[in-house]
């Protein structure tokens, strides 16, 4: 059974840092583009960052650019999101998602939730003093 599990969420003061990890079981993330999304109460799910399966292409939303970094650990079969200089508006449930990339699209990332086949259960990030 193919599963994604997020970890690393929690409560952090403004200006703090967290590292979220997305671990895959039952399949190798090496062949998948991976995206991080977030959803705050009363708001739609939005893309935060996305990474192509060959790691050559990365996307960051304007709201997190320069503060968040997405990276893949092949040995651990994980994709992580390093979040620095956190702001209260970063508070949300964060989800990772994976989409298989055929050989012709290894350099592509995906920005829309409907483009992803696999989702984790989410992890809560709260930025508050």
Foldseek 3Di string as FASTA:
>chain_A
DKAWAKDWADEAAAQAKIKIKIAIPPDALLQKKKWKWWDDPPDDIFTAKIAFSPRPDIDGDPVQPPFKDWDDDRVRSMIMIIGGRDDQVVWTWMKMFIAGDDPVGRRDIDTDPVRTDHIHPTDTHGHHD
